Amino acid sequence: MNTNFKHKILAGAMMFGALFISSSCDDAEGLKVTPEVPYADKTLYQVITSDPQLTDFIEVINSCGEHCADSLFNKSRVYTVWAPVNGTFNKDSLMAEVQNGNRELVFRSFVKGHISNHLRAANGVLEDDNKILLLNEKMAVFQGNRKDGYTFAGQQLAEENIRVWNGILHKLANPAEYKFNIWEYLLVDARVDSVANFLYSYDETTFSPGQSIMGPIKNGEQTYLDSVFVTTNKLLNEWNGVGRLKNEDSLYTVYVPTNKVWNEVKEQVNKHFNYNMNMANPVSVTKADRDSLRNHYSRINILKYMTYSDNEQQYVEGEDSIMPAWQGTSVFVGRAEFPKARLEEKVVFEKSLSNGTFKIVDEFPYNQFELWHDTIKLEAENTEMRFSTQGSTDYMRTATKNQINKDSAFIGAEISGSRYYEGNSATTTVYAKFKLPNALSASYNVALIVVPKNITNPNVDPKDMLPNNFTIKISQETEKGNVFLYNRTGIKNDPTRLDTLILKEKNGDPAVISVPYCEYYNTGKAADYNLVMEIQTPGSYKSYDKSIRLDAILLIPVKDPEE
């Protein structure tokens, strides 16, 4: 395991280690030494270290740090310990892991997996749903009865209910098996180091005063007897994240790319997230942020369809498709589904974990148009992005029907969002400027959804159904100044229908607009975007409609010319 991973596990252990000293404490003082409670005046540490059957257990604990067991079990806290007896586990292997730098992994998976913060006696009938929260935040079933005996995590108790001053000790005939969850296992398999490294880089460990134990006020400041640190990660959620992969009560299936696949796809996606480092805008993003933006957005767009919630698959029609857990904002309504067979044929490794199934793929199962190079839709009635108009009266009209179908650029007779923009004038040129948000440094076809004059009034005289005669310019502000990407006049629509007007070259081929710099910010603020479309209608031609009626502007992804 590399140094970065050691650091991340250590950061996580700070939180878990604090659980030893931050949980509720039953006061064990006052117990009397009797035949039933022979160790009432001794601590767990004293009892365990003096028991010849538990020396291996103590050695492993202390290998995690000098006097580790002493500092743990001598505290004025109550614990229940299920200690595996000597010879039932590979002590040397665990201690070697500690020597190899994996101390926190051993401490979490082995030591904390046998300890609970509260008193758990083997009394009466313990049902099979009697779950114990352990110090490593895993759940274990403690069940059984007097006649048949008791088990912990499926392992038989060799001796039970040894009551001591600060807790209860049970001896286990075999150690409890530790089962990694998906989030933990990312750190275990070296083949997916790259993915783990990226996701864990978003860990943030902060002090939690509410969970810490307050001490006295000194020099006017609050001190703490025990400080609790909590580690969070903003990518561990369904919305713009990879799912709640830490949760033991969740069930996921993940398809994780190998380091080789990760590096190959990262090289491909990087070129589409080429942020302009020399521009003054966007105003809300500094130059220092842009490397971070490229790193984040390019890589998260590789992984956003890595995770699938097993519980959500009930909502997918048919058994041949699966729906990602990713619920982040999209230019179109809804979430994509993918052919399950396409993912499964790339799987080279599979392992059942505590909260789902971990699968490794050695070939990337998606293409750029399914992940990051998606269609971008700007609603023309968006008042923030329509930042400049001239010679017109602006309206936001309401029509009927539904959302645009993502699968086709042809819209049919439906208005996106039931609204559209109208700018008109009886005499002068009509002019409108739009900022086009979130474009990548990539190639697009550009389409305008032009609304016919009779969209709200079917009785319009056909003689008044005149085409537009647009002049359209697309430009981007760069460090070299304003660069024009498209500039044509005489662009006409079909005035009899809701027309998907794809911008074309002079020879009639669809124009390929190659955007030099990525502007993928998702801020929704016009000042943050520098890709501009200007639309103008002539004011003097009587044979054309001078109004601008637009439902939406689409950036439709195409392969880059050099590919």
Protein backbone atom coordinates (compact mmCIF):
# COMPACT_ATOMS: atom_id res chain seq x y z
CA MET A 1 0.00 0.00 0.00
CA ASN A 2 1.49 3.33 -0.96
CA THR A 3 2.19 6.26 1.34
CA ASN A 4 -0.86 8.23 0.28
CA PHE A 5 -3.13 5.36 1.22
CA LYS A 6 -1.44 4.94 4.59
CA HIS A 7 -2.08 8.60 5.27
CA LYS A 8 -5.74 8.29 4.31
CA ILE A 9 -6.30 5.24 6.48
CA LEU A 10 -4.59 7.03 9.36
CA ALA A 11 -6.89 10.03 8.91
CA GLY A 12 -9.89 7.73 9.07
CA ALA A 13 -8.50 5.99 12.14
CA MET A 14 -8.39 9.30 13.99
CA MET A 15 -12.16 9.30 13.83
CA PHE A 16 -12.59 5.66 14.75
CA GLY A 17 -9.99 5.81 17.50
CA ALA A 18 -11.92 8.64 19.07
CA LEU A 19 -14.86 6.30 19.45
CA PHE A 20 -12.91 4.54 22.20
CA ILE A 21 -13.15 7.63 24.34
CA SER A 22 -16.21 9.46 23.14
CA SER A 23 -19.00 6.92 23.53
CA SER A 24 -21.38 6.80 26.45
CA CYS A 25 -19.80 5.35 29.55
CA ASP A 26 -21.50 3.15 32.13
CA ASP A 27 -19.89 3.68 35.52
CA ALA A 28 -18.49 0.32 36.59
CA GLU A 29 -17.20 1.53 39.96
CA GLY A 30 -18.70 -0.02 43.04
CA LEU A 31 -18.56 -3.66 41.91
CA LYS A 32 -17.67 -6.01 44.73
CA VAL A 33 -15.21 -8.88 44.44
CA THR A 34 -17.34 -11.98 44.87
CA PRO A 35 -17.15 -15.55 43.55
CA GLU A 36 -19.54 -14.44 40.79
CA VAL A 37 -17.45 -11.37 39.95
CA PRO A 38 -13.85 -12.34 40.78
CA TYR A 39 -12.27 -9.55 38.69
CA ALA A 40 -14.42 -6.65 39.85
CA ASP A 41 -11.32 -4.77 41.01
CA LYS A 42 -9.32 -5.37 37.82
CA THR A 43 -9.40 -3.71 34.41
CA LEU A 44 -9.83 -5.45 31.09
CA TYR A 45 -6.14 -4.86 30.44
CA GLN A 46 -5.10 -6.54 33.66
CA VAL A 47 -7.37 -9.53 33.10
CA ILE A 48 -6.53 -10.05 29.40
CA THR A 49 -2.76 -9.69 29.87
CA SER A 50 -2.77 -12.18 32.74
CA ASP A 51 -4.75 -14.78 30.79
CA PRO A 52 -2.40 -17.33 29.13
CA GLN A 53 -5.05 -18.02 26.46
CA LEU A 54 -5.10 -14.41 25.23
CA THR A 55 -1.44 -13.48 24.88
CA ASP A 56 -1.61 -13.53 21.07
CA PHE A 57 -4.52 -11.10 21.11
CA ILE A 58 -2.66 -8.65 23.34
CA GLU A 59 0.52 -8.93 21.26
CA VAL A 60 -1.33 -7.98 18.08
CA ILE A 61 -2.95 -5.01 19.80
CA ASN A 62 0.32 -3.77 21.25
CA SER A 63 2.08 -4.21 17.92
CA CYS A 64 -0.16 -1.37 16.71
CA GLY A 65 1.62 0.98 19.11
CA GLU A 66 3.48 1.03 22.39
CA HIS A 67 1.16 0.25 25.28
CA CYS A 68 -1.79 0.34 22.89
CA ALA A 69 -3.81 -2.23 24.82
CA ASP A 70 -2.91 -0.60 28.14
CA SER A 71 -4.08 2.84 26.96
CA LEU A 72 -7.27 1.33 25.62
CA PHE A 73 -8.46 -1.02 28.33
CA ASN A 74 -7.24 0.91 31.37
CA LYS A 75 -9.47 3.88 30.60
CA SER A 76 -12.49 4.59 32.76
CA ARG A 77 -14.80 3.26 30.06
CA VAL A 78 -16.83 0.13 29.72
CA TYR A 79 -16.29 -2.25 26.84
CA THR A 80 -17.32 -5.68 25.81
CA VAL A 81 -14.45 -7.66 24.30
CA TRP A 82 -14.81 -10.88 22.33
CA ALA A 83 -11.16 -12.03 22.40
CA PRO A 84 -10.11 -14.96 20.17
CA VAL A 85 -7.95 -17.45 22.05
CA ASN A 86 -4.38 -18.33 21.13
CA GLY A 87 -3.77 -20.46 18.08
CA THR A 88 -7.03 -19.56 16.33
CA PHE A 89 -5.59 -16.80 14.12
CA ASN A 90 -2.30 -15.97 12.42
CA LYS A 91 -0.69 -13.62 14.90
CA ASP A 92 2.57 -13.36 12.95
CA SER A 93 0.79 -12.40 9.74
CA LEU A 94 -1.13 -9.58 11.43
CA MET A 95 1.98 -8.23 13.14
CA ALA A 96 3.87 -8.36 9.85
CA GLU A 97 1.12 -6.23 8.28
CA VAL A 98 1.69 -3.66 11.02
CA GLN A 99 5.45 -3.69 10.32
CA ASN A 100 4.70 -3.18 6.62
CA GLY A 101 2.90 0.08 7.35
CA ASN A 102 -0.67 -1.17 7.55
CA ARG A 103 -1.15 -0.52 11.27
CA GLU A 104 -4.49 1.25 10.97
CA LEU A 105 -5.88 -1.42 8.68
CA VAL A 106 -5.02 -4.14 11.24
CA PHE A 107 -6.30 -2.02 14.10
CA ARG A 108 -9.61 -1.41 12.34
CA SER A 109 -10.21 -4.80 10.78
CA PHE A 110 -8.97 -7.06 13.59
CA VAL A 111 -8.80 -5.24 16.93
CA LYS A 112 -11.86 -2.99 16.64
CA GLY A 113 -13.77 -5.84 15.05
CA HIS A 114 -13.80 -7.63 18.43
CA ILE A 115 -14.78 -4.74 20.71
CA SER A 116 -18.00 -2.86 21.48
CA ASN A 117 -18.46 0.27 23.57
CA HIS A 118 -21.25 -1.10 25.75
CA LEU A 119 -21.89 -3.99 28.10
CA ARG A 120 -23.09 -7.08 26.21
CA ALA A 121 -23.65 -10.09 28.41
CA ALA A 122 -24.48 -13.62 27.22
CA ASN A 123 -27.69 -13.99 29.20
CA GLY A 124 -31.00 -15.64 28.40
CA VAL A 125 -32.06 -15.90 24.78
CA LEU A 126 -30.31 -13.58 22.32
CA GLU A 127 -32.28 -13.50 19.07
CA ASP A 128 -30.66 -13.70 15.65
CA ASP A 129 -31.42 -10.01 15.04
CA ASN A 130 -29.38 -8.93 18.07
CA LYS A 131 -26.86 -6.75 16.24
CA ILE A 132 -23.89 -5.17 17.98
CA LEU A 133 -22.23 -1.95 16.76
CA LEU A 134 -18.48 -2.49 16.99
CA LEU A 135 -15.73 0.09 17.29
CA ASN A 136 -14.98 -0.19 13.57
CA GLU A 137 -18.63 0.71 12.86
CA LYS A 138 -19.40 -2.76 11.57
CA MET A 139 -22.42 -4.69 12.79
CA ALA A 140 -22.05 -8.20 14.26
CA VAL A 141 -24.77 -10.59 15.43
CA PHE A 142 -24.47 -11.77 19.05
CA GLN A 143 -26.98 -14.60 19.52
CA GLY A 144 -27.72 -17.89 21.25
CA ASN A 145 -29.07 -19.33 24.49
CA ARG A 146 -27.90 -21.21 27.57
CA LYS A 147 -28.69 -24.62 26.17
CA ASP A 148 -27.01 -24.34 22.76
CA GLY A 149 -24.39 -21.76 23.63
CA TYR A 150 -23.70 -18.31 22.24
CA THR A 151 -22.05 -17.09 19.04
CA PHE A 152 -20.51 -13.78 18.04
CA ALA A 153 -20.31 -13.02 14.29
CA GLY A 154 -20.94 -16.71 13.70
CA GLN A 155 -18.13 -17.87 16.03
CA GLN A 156 -18.76 -19.93 19.16
CA LEU A 157 -17.92 -18.50 22.57
CA ALA A 158 -15.31 -20.59 24.38
CA GLU A 159 -15.96 -18.79 27.69
CA GLU A 160 -18.47 -16.10 28.50
CA ASN A 161 -19.35 -13.28 30.89
CA ILE A 162 -16.01 -12.59 32.58
CA ARG A 163 -17.06 -9.41 34.39
CA VAL A 164 -14.32 -6.90 35.18
CA TRP A 165 -14.14 -3.38 36.56
CA ASN A 166 -14.62 -1.69 33.18
CA GLY A 167 -16.51 -4.19 31.09
CA ILE A 168 -17.21 -7.77 30.08
CA LEU A 169 -14.81 -10.24 28.49
CA HIS A 170 -15.86 -13.18 26.34
CA LYS A 171 -13.42 -15.65 24.83
CA LEU A 172 -13.94 -16.75 21.23
CA ALA A 173 -13.13 -20.20 19.88
CA ASN A 174 -12.27 -18.52 16.53
CA PRO A 175 -11.81 -14.91 15.46
CA ALA A 176 -14.65 -12.97 13.86
CA GLU A 177 -14.21 -12.64 10.12
CA TYR A 178 -13.74 -9.08 8.95
CA LYS A 179 -15.67 -8.23 5.82
CA PHE A 180 -14.62 -5.11 3.98
CA ASN A 181 -17.17 -2.73 2.59
CA ILE A 182 -16.71 -1.30 -0.90
CA TRP A 183 -15.15 1.94 0.31
CA GLU A 184 -12.53 0.08 2.35
CA TYR A 185 -11.78 -2.48 -0.32
CA LEU A 186 -10.75 0.26 -2.74
CA LEU A 187 -7.64 0.58 -0.56
CA VAL A 188 -6.97 -3.14 -0.48
CA ASP A 189 -6.68 -4.10 -4.14
CA ALA A 190 -3.57 -2.54 -5.72
CA ARG A 191 -5.06 -2.91 -9.21
CA VAL A 192 -7.41 0.02 -8.52
CA ASP A 193 -5.02 2.32 -6.64
CA SER A 194 -5.69 5.17 -9.07
CA VAL A 195 -9.44 5.23 -8.48
CA ALA A 196 -8.96 4.92 -4.71
CA ASN A 197 -6.37 7.68 -4.70
CA PHE A 198 -8.73 10.06 -6.50
CA LEU A 199 -11.80 9.32 -4.39
CA TYR A 200 -9.97 9.36 -1.06
CA SER A 201 -8.36 12.70 -1.93
CA TYR A 202 -11.74 14.26 -1.10
CA ASP A 203 -11.61 13.09 2.53
CA GLU A 204 -11.91 15.97 4.98
CA THR A 205 -11.23 15.41 8.67
CA THR A 206 -12.61 18.05 11.03
CA PHE A 207 -12.87 18.45 14.77
CA SER A 208 -16.35 17.71 16.17
CA PRO A 209 -16.92 19.64 19.41
CA GLY A 210 -20.39 18.13 19.81
CA GLN A 211 -18.97 14.60 19.98
CA SER A 212 -15.93 15.51 22.07
CA ILE A 213 -15.75 15.51 25.88
CA MET A 214 -15.37 19.00 27.28
CA GLY A 215 -12.78 19.81 29.89
CA PRO A 216 -12.27 22.95 31.95
CA ILE A 217 -12.10 26.49 30.59
CA LYS A 218 -8.47 27.62 30.49
CA ASN A 219 -7.42 31.18 29.71
CA GLY A 220 -10.92 31.86 28.49
CA GLU A 221 -10.92 28.98 26.02
CA GLN A 222 -12.74 25.66 26.10
CA THR A 223 -10.48 22.65 26.46
CA TYR A 224 -11.39 19.04 25.71
CA LEU A 225 -10.50 15.91 27.63
CA ASP A 226 -11.11 13.80 24.55
CA SER A 227 -11.26 15.22 21.03
CA VAL A 228 -13.29 13.55 18.29
CA PHE A 229 -12.45 14.07 14.63
CA VAL A 230 -14.94 13.22 11.90
CA THR A 231 -13.97 12.34 8.33
CA THR A 232 -16.40 13.12 5.52
CA ASN A 233 -16.15 12.84 1.75
CA LYS A 234 -18.39 14.86 -0.59
CA LEU A 235 -18.25 12.18 -3.28
CA LEU A 236 -19.86 9.59 -1.00
CA ASN A 237 -23.43 10.45 -1.92
CA GLU A 238 -25.82 9.77 -4.78
CA TRP A 239 -26.14 13.35 -5.99
CA ASN A 240 -22.98 14.24 -7.94
CA GLY A 241 -21.24 11.39 -6.19
CA VAL A 242 -20.50 7.66 -6.42
CA GLY A 243 -22.96 6.54 -3.73
CA ARG A 244 -22.86 5.90 0.00
CA LEU A 245 -20.12 3.30 -0.29
CA LYS A 246 -19.26 3.48 3.43
CA ASN A 247 -22.74 2.57 4.61
CA GLU A 248 -23.11 -0.96 5.89
CA ASP A 249 -26.87 -0.89 5.37
CA SER A 250 -26.57 -0.05 1.65
CA LEU A 251 -26.14 -2.48 -1.22
CA TYR A 252 -24.17 -1.56 -4.33
CA THR A 253 -22.52 -3.18 -7.30
CA VAL A 254 -19.44 -1.33 -8.52
CA TYR A 255 -17.42 -1.75 -11.71
CA VAL A 256 -14.00 -0.29 -10.96
CA PRO A 257 -11.47 0.28 -13.78
CA THR A 258 -7.91 -0.96 -13.36
CA ASN A 259 -5.06 1.52 -13.12
CA LYS A 260 -4.20 0.84 -16.77
CA VAL A 261 -7.75 1.57 -17.94
CA TRP A 262 -7.96 4.62 -15.69
CA ASN A 263 -4.82 6.15 -17.16
CA GLU A 264 -5.91 5.48 -20.73
CA VAL A 265 -9.32 7.09 -20.29
CA LYS A 266 -7.90 9.94 -18.22
CA GLU A 267 -5.66 10.89 -21.14
CA GLN A 268 -8.67 10.93 -23.45
CA VAL A 269 -10.94 12.94 -21.18
CA ASN A 270 -8.28 15.46 -20.15
CA LYS A 271 -8.23 17.12 -23.57
CA HIS A 272 -11.95 17.90 -23.25
CA PHE A 273 -11.41 19.67 -19.91
CA ASN A 274 -8.79 22.11 -21.15
CA TYR A 275 -9.44 25.20 -19.03
CA ASN A 276 -8.04 28.54 -20.16
CA MET A 277 -5.43 29.51 -17.58
CA ASN A 278 -4.87 33.05 -18.82
CA MET A 279 -8.36 34.55 -18.89
CA ALA A 280 -9.65 37.13 -16.43
CA ASN A 281 -13.05 35.46 -16.44
CA PRO A 282 -14.86 33.56 -15.09
CA VAL A 283 -15.09 35.95 -12.19
CA SER A 284 -16.01 33.27 -9.66
CA VAL A 285 -13.05 30.99 -10.52
CA THR A 286 -9.44 31.98 -9.94
CA LYS A 287 -6.49 30.90 -12.05
CA ALA A 288 -5.24 28.80 -9.16
CA ASP A 289 -8.48 26.82 -9.20
CA ARG A 290 -8.32 25.68 -12.79
CA ASP A 291 -5.92 22.78 -12.44
CA SER A 292 -8.17 21.57 -9.66
CA LEU A 293 -11.23 21.99 -11.88
CA ARG A 294 -9.66 19.92 -14.64
CA ASN A 295 -8.61 17.23 -12.20
CA HIS A 296 -12.03 17.04 -10.57
CA TYR A 297 -14.40 17.25 -13.51
CA SER A 298 -12.41 15.08 -15.89
CA ARG A 299 -11.98 12.26 -13.39
CA ILE A 300 -15.41 12.34 -11.80
CA ASN A 301 -16.92 12.08 -15.27
CA ILE A 302 -15.01 8.83 -15.74
CA LEU A 303 -16.43 7.40 -12.52
CA LYS A 304 -19.96 8.77 -12.30
CA TYR A 305 -21.44 5.59 -13.77
CA MET A 306 -19.19 3.22 -11.81
CA THR A 307 -21.72 2.56 -9.03
CA TYR A 308 -25.13 0.88 -9.18
CA SER A 309 -27.51 0.74 -6.24
CA ASP A 310 -28.90 -2.79 -6.01
CA ASN A 311 -32.05 -1.44 -4.40
CA GLU A 312 -32.77 0.94 -7.29
CA GLN A 313 -32.63 -1.71 -9.98
CA GLN A 314 -36.25 -2.59 -9.21
CA TYR A 315 -37.20 0.60 -11.05
CA VAL A 316 -35.43 -0.42 -14.26
CA GLU A 317 -37.61 -1.90 -16.94
CA GLY A 318 -36.33 -5.32 -17.91
CA GLU A 319 -33.40 -7.32 -16.60
CA ASP A 320 -31.00 -6.43 -19.40
CA SER A 321 -30.31 -2.86 -18.27
CA ILE A 322 -29.03 -1.25 -15.10
CA MET A 323 -29.26 2.34 -13.84
CA PRO A 324 -26.31 4.10 -12.18
CA ALA A 325 -26.57 5.45 -8.66
CA TRP A 326 -25.27 8.79 -9.92
CA GLN A 327 -28.13 11.31 -9.76
CA GLY A 328 -26.20 14.46 -10.63
CA THR A 329 -27.65 17.23 -12.69
CA SER A 330 -27.89 16.54 -16.39
CA VAL A 331 -28.76 18.64 -19.41
CA PHE A 332 -31.72 16.35 -19.92
CA VAL A 333 -34.28 15.00 -17.52
CA GLY A 334 -33.78 11.45 -16.32
CA ARG A 335 -30.86 9.10 -15.78
CA ALA A 336 -29.24 6.83 -18.31
CA GLU A 337 -29.53 3.08 -18.31
CA PHE A 338 -26.80 0.80 -19.64
CA PRO A 339 -26.76 -2.72 -21.03
CA LYS A 340 -25.71 -4.93 -18.15
CA ALA A 341 -24.05 -7.46 -20.48
CA ARG A 342 -21.65 -4.81 -21.77
CA LEU A 343 -20.34 -4.18 -18.27
CA GLU A 344 -20.23 -7.82 -17.24
CA GLU A 345 -18.14 -8.92 -20.22
CA LYS A 346 -15.34 -6.59 -19.05
CA VAL A 347 -15.22 -8.02 -15.50
CA VAL A 348 -11.98 -9.79 -14.55
CA PHE A 349 -12.48 -9.96 -10.75
CA GLU A 350 -15.46 -10.15 -8.43
CA LYS A 351 -15.75 -10.19 -4.65
CA SER A 352 -18.72 -10.15 -2.28
CA LEU A 353 -18.34 -7.46 0.40
CA SER A 354 -20.34 -6.31 3.42
CA ASN A 355 -22.38 -3.78 1.43
CA GLY A 356 -22.39 -5.19 -2.07
CA THR A 357 -20.29 -6.59 -4.87
CA PHE A 358 -16.92 -5.28 -5.99
CA LYS A 359 -16.02 -5.91 -9.63
CA ILE A 360 -12.90 -4.89 -11.55
CA VAL A 361 -13.04 -4.21 -15.29
CA ASP A 362 -9.94 -4.34 -17.50
CA GLU A 363 -11.54 -2.49 -20.42
CA PHE A 364 -13.59 0.69 -20.32
CA PRO A 365 -17.24 -0.20 -21.01
CA TYR A 366 -18.41 3.30 -22.03
CA ASN A 367 -17.61 5.94 -24.62
CA GLN A 368 -17.22 9.68 -24.33
CA PHE A 369 -20.78 10.43 -25.48
CA GLU A 370 -22.24 8.30 -22.68
CA LEU A 371 -20.21 9.90 -19.93
CA TRP A 372 -18.75 13.36 -20.29
CA HIS A 373 -19.37 14.58 -23.87
CA ASP A 374 -23.13 14.96 -23.56
CA THR A 375 -25.63 17.22 -25.31
CA ILE A 376 -25.95 20.64 -23.72
CA LYS A 377 -29.30 22.37 -23.79
CA LEU A 378 -29.87 26.05 -22.98
CA GLU A 379 -33.47 27.08 -22.57
CA ALA A 380 -33.85 30.29 -24.60
CA GLU A 381 -36.15 31.78 -21.96
CA ASN A 382 -33.28 31.63 -19.43
CA THR A 383 -33.04 35.30 -18.46
CA GLU A 384 -29.61 34.86 -16.85
CA MET A 385 -27.96 33.44 -19.96
CA ARG A 386 -29.80 35.71 -22.39
CA PHE A 387 -27.73 38.64 -21.29
CA SER A 388 -28.24 41.20 -24.08
CA THR A 389 -31.07 42.13 -26.44
CA GLN A 390 -31.63 45.06 -28.75
CA GLY A 391 -34.49 46.64 -30.69
CA SER A 392 -37.06 44.21 -29.34
CA THR A 393 -39.73 43.58 -26.80
CA ASP A 394 -38.91 40.38 -24.93
CA TYR A 395 -41.43 37.80 -23.86
CA MET A 396 -41.38 34.47 -22.13
CA ARG A 397 -44.23 32.61 -23.78
CA THR A 398 -46.04 29.59 -22.43
CA ALA A 399 -46.97 26.69 -24.68
CA THR A 400 -48.02 23.10 -24.09
CA LYS A 401 -46.41 19.66 -24.33
CA ASN A 402 -43.37 18.07 -22.73
CA GLN A 403 -39.60 17.91 -22.41
CA ILE A 404 -37.26 17.40 -25.35
CA ASN A 405 -36.45 13.79 -26.08
CA LYS A 406 -32.71 13.38 -25.55
CA ASP A 407 -32.41 10.59 -28.10
CA SER A 408 -33.18 12.76 -31.10
CA ALA A 409 -32.31 16.28 -32.22
CA PHE A 410 -35.64 16.39 -34.03
CA ILE A 411 -38.16 17.72 -31.55
CA GLY A 412 -41.43 17.06 -33.33
CA ALA A 413 -44.24 19.24 -32.01
CA GLU A 414 -43.17 19.57 -28.39
CA ILE A 415 -41.96 22.64 -26.54
CA SER A 416 -39.19 22.09 -24.02
CA GLY A 417 -40.42 22.99 -20.57
CA SER A 418 -43.65 24.39 -22.11
CA ARG A 419 -41.97 27.80 -22.51
CA TYR A 420 -40.01 29.71 -25.13
CA TYR A 421 -38.43 33.11 -25.73
CA GLU A 422 -39.82 35.70 -28.12
CA GLY A 423 -38.20 38.97 -29.14
CA ASN A 424 -39.87 41.15 -31.75
CA SER A 425 -40.08 44.63 -33.19
CA ALA A 426 -42.34 46.22 -35.78
CA THR A 427 -39.58 48.24 -37.42
CA THR A 428 -36.00 47.60 -36.31
CA THR A 429 -33.52 44.76 -36.29
CA VAL A 430 -34.06 42.23 -33.50
CA TYR A 431 -30.87 41.12 -31.76
CA ALA A 432 -30.25 38.68 -28.89
CA LYS A 433 -27.09 37.41 -27.19
CA PHE A 434 -26.84 34.16 -25.27
CA LYS A 435 -24.12 32.73 -23.08
CA LEU A 436 -23.70 28.98 -23.76
CA PRO A 437 -22.80 27.34 -20.42
CA ASN A 438 -20.74 24.26 -19.56
CA ALA A 439 -19.26 23.53 -22.98
CA LEU A 440 -16.15 21.35 -23.08
CA SER A 441 -13.04 21.96 -25.14
CA ALA A 442 -14.57 19.71 -27.77
CA SER A 443 -16.52 19.65 -31.03
CA TYR A 444 -20.25 20.20 -31.44
CA ASN A 445 -23.02 20.60 -33.94
CA VAL A 446 -25.20 23.53 -32.92
CA ALA A 447 -28.97 23.57 -33.30
CA LEU A 448 -31.66 26.15 -32.65
CA ILE A 449 -35.18 25.05 -31.87
CA VAL A 450 -37.14 27.75 -33.73
CA VAL A 451 -40.78 28.18 -32.78
CA PRO A 452 -43.40 28.82 -35.51
CA LYS A 453 -45.64 31.86 -35.31
CA ASN A 454 -48.79 29.78 -34.92
CA ILE A 455 -47.55 27.81 -31.89
CA THR A 456 -50.14 29.47 -29.64
CA ASN A 457 -52.60 30.54 -32.34
CA PRO A 458 -53.49 27.93 -34.97
CA ASN A 459 -55.55 30.51 -36.89
CA VAL A 460 -52.53 32.52 -38.08
CA ASP A 461 -52.83 33.21 -41.81
CA PRO A 462 -50.32 31.01 -43.71
CA LYS A 463 -49.21 34.13 -45.60
CA ASP A 464 -47.90 35.46 -42.31
CA MET A 465 -45.87 32.30 -41.66
CA LEU A 466 -42.60 33.76 -42.89
CA PRO A 467 -39.17 32.22 -42.35
CA ASN A 468 -36.47 33.92 -40.34
CA ASN A 469 -33.32 35.17 -42.00
CA PHE A 470 -30.78 34.89 -39.21
CA THR A 471 -27.24 36.13 -38.90
CA ILE A 472 -25.57 33.93 -36.30
CA LYS A 473 -22.15 34.37 -34.70
CA ILE A 474 -20.52 32.10 -32.12
CA SER A 475 -17.37 33.28 -30.35
CA GLN A 476 -15.29 32.62 -27.28
CA GLU A 477 -13.18 35.04 -25.32
CA THR A 478 -9.65 33.61 -24.99
CA GLU A 479 -6.23 34.87 -23.95
CA LYS A 480 -5.79 35.87 -27.61
CA GLY A 481 -8.96 37.93 -27.58
CA ASN A 482 -12.37 37.16 -29.02
CA VAL A 483 -12.16 34.18 -31.40
CA PHE A 484 -15.03 33.59 -33.83
CA LEU A 485 -16.01 29.94 -34.17
CA TYR A 486 -18.94 30.48 -36.52
CA ASN A 487 -20.17 33.49 -38.53
CA ARG A 488 -22.83 33.17 -41.21
CA THR A 489 -25.75 35.14 -42.62
CA GLY A 490 -28.87 34.05 -44.51
CA ILE A 491 -29.76 31.16 -42.18
CA LYS A 492 -33.41 30.26 -42.77
CA ASN A 493 -35.83 27.99 -40.92
CA ASP A 494 -39.01 26.17 -41.87
CA PRO A 495 -41.73 28.51 -40.51
CA THR A 496 -44.48 25.87 -40.65
CA ARG A 497 -43.24 23.71 -37.81
CA LEU A 498 -41.15 23.61 -34.65
CA ASP A 499 -37.90 23.46 -36.56
CA THR A 500 -34.64 21.91 -35.39
CA LEU A 501 -32.37 24.25 -37.28
CA ILE A 502 -28.86 22.77 -37.37
CA LEU A 503 -26.21 25.35 -38.28
CA LYS A 504 -24.45 24.49 -41.54
CA GLU A 505 -21.43 25.39 -43.60
CA LYS A 506 -21.74 27.07 -46.99
CA ASN A 507 -21.61 23.68 -48.72
CA GLY A 508 -24.63 22.50 -46.73
CA ASP A 509 -22.81 20.17 -44.34
CA PRO A 510 -23.54 20.53 -40.62
CA ALA A 511 -21.02 22.93 -39.12
CA VAL A 512 -18.60 21.44 -36.60
CA ILE A 513 -17.94 24.05 -33.91
CA SER A 514 -14.64 23.30 -32.15
CA VAL A 515 -14.60 25.08 -28.78
CA PRO A 516 -10.99 25.88 -27.75
CA TYR A 517 -11.50 26.03 -23.98
CA CYS A 518 -13.64 24.16 -21.51
CA GLU A 519 -16.22 26.18 -19.58
CA TYR A 520 -17.69 23.39 -17.48
CA TYR A 521 -18.44 25.15 -14.19
CA ASN A 522 -22.11 24.41 -13.37
CA THR A 523 -22.48 27.77 -11.64
CA GLY A 524 -25.44 29.03 -13.66
CA LYS A 525 -23.98 32.56 -13.62
CA ALA A 526 -23.62 34.26 -16.99
CA ALA A 527 -20.42 36.07 -15.96
CA ASP A 528 -18.66 32.71 -15.60
CA TYR A 529 -19.06 31.76 -19.27
CA ASN A 530 -17.30 33.12 -22.31
CA LEU A 531 -18.89 31.12 -25.14
CA VAL A 532 -21.39 33.48 -26.79
CA MET A 533 -24.03 33.11 -29.50
CA GLU A 534 -25.38 36.25 -31.20
CA ILE A 535 -28.61 36.02 -33.21
CA GLN A 536 -29.84 38.83 -35.41
CA THR A 537 -32.76 39.29 -37.81
CA PRO A 538 -32.83 42.00 -40.52
CA GLY A 539 -35.10 44.96 -39.98
CA SER A 540 -35.81 45.82 -43.63
CA TYR A 541 -36.84 42.60 -45.41
CA LYS A 542 -40.60 42.23 -45.73
CA SER A 543 -40.28 38.65 -46.92
CA TYR A 544 -38.87 37.44 -43.61
CA ASP A 545 -40.10 37.24 -40.04
CA LYS A 546 -38.18 39.80 -37.99
CA SER A 547 -39.12 38.18 -34.67
CA ILE A 548 -36.93 35.71 -32.84
CA ARG A 549 -38.87 32.83 -31.31
CA LEU A 550 -36.61 30.23 -29.70
CA ASP A 551 -37.37 27.24 -27.56
CA ALA A 552 -33.79 26.11 -26.89
CA ILE A 553 -30.22 26.07 -28.15
CA LEU A 554 -28.48 22.69 -28.36
CA LEU A 555 -24.80 21.84 -28.42
CA ILE A 556 -24.80 18.31 -29.87
CA PRO A 557 -21.49 16.47 -29.33
CA VAL A 558 -19.57 15.04 -32.29
CA LYS A 559 -16.16 13.43 -32.60
CA ASP A 560 -13.29 15.84 -32.69
CA PRO A 561 -11.96 16.29 -36.24
CA GLU A 562 -8.54 14.88 -35.34
CA GLU A 563 -9.98 11.64 -33.98
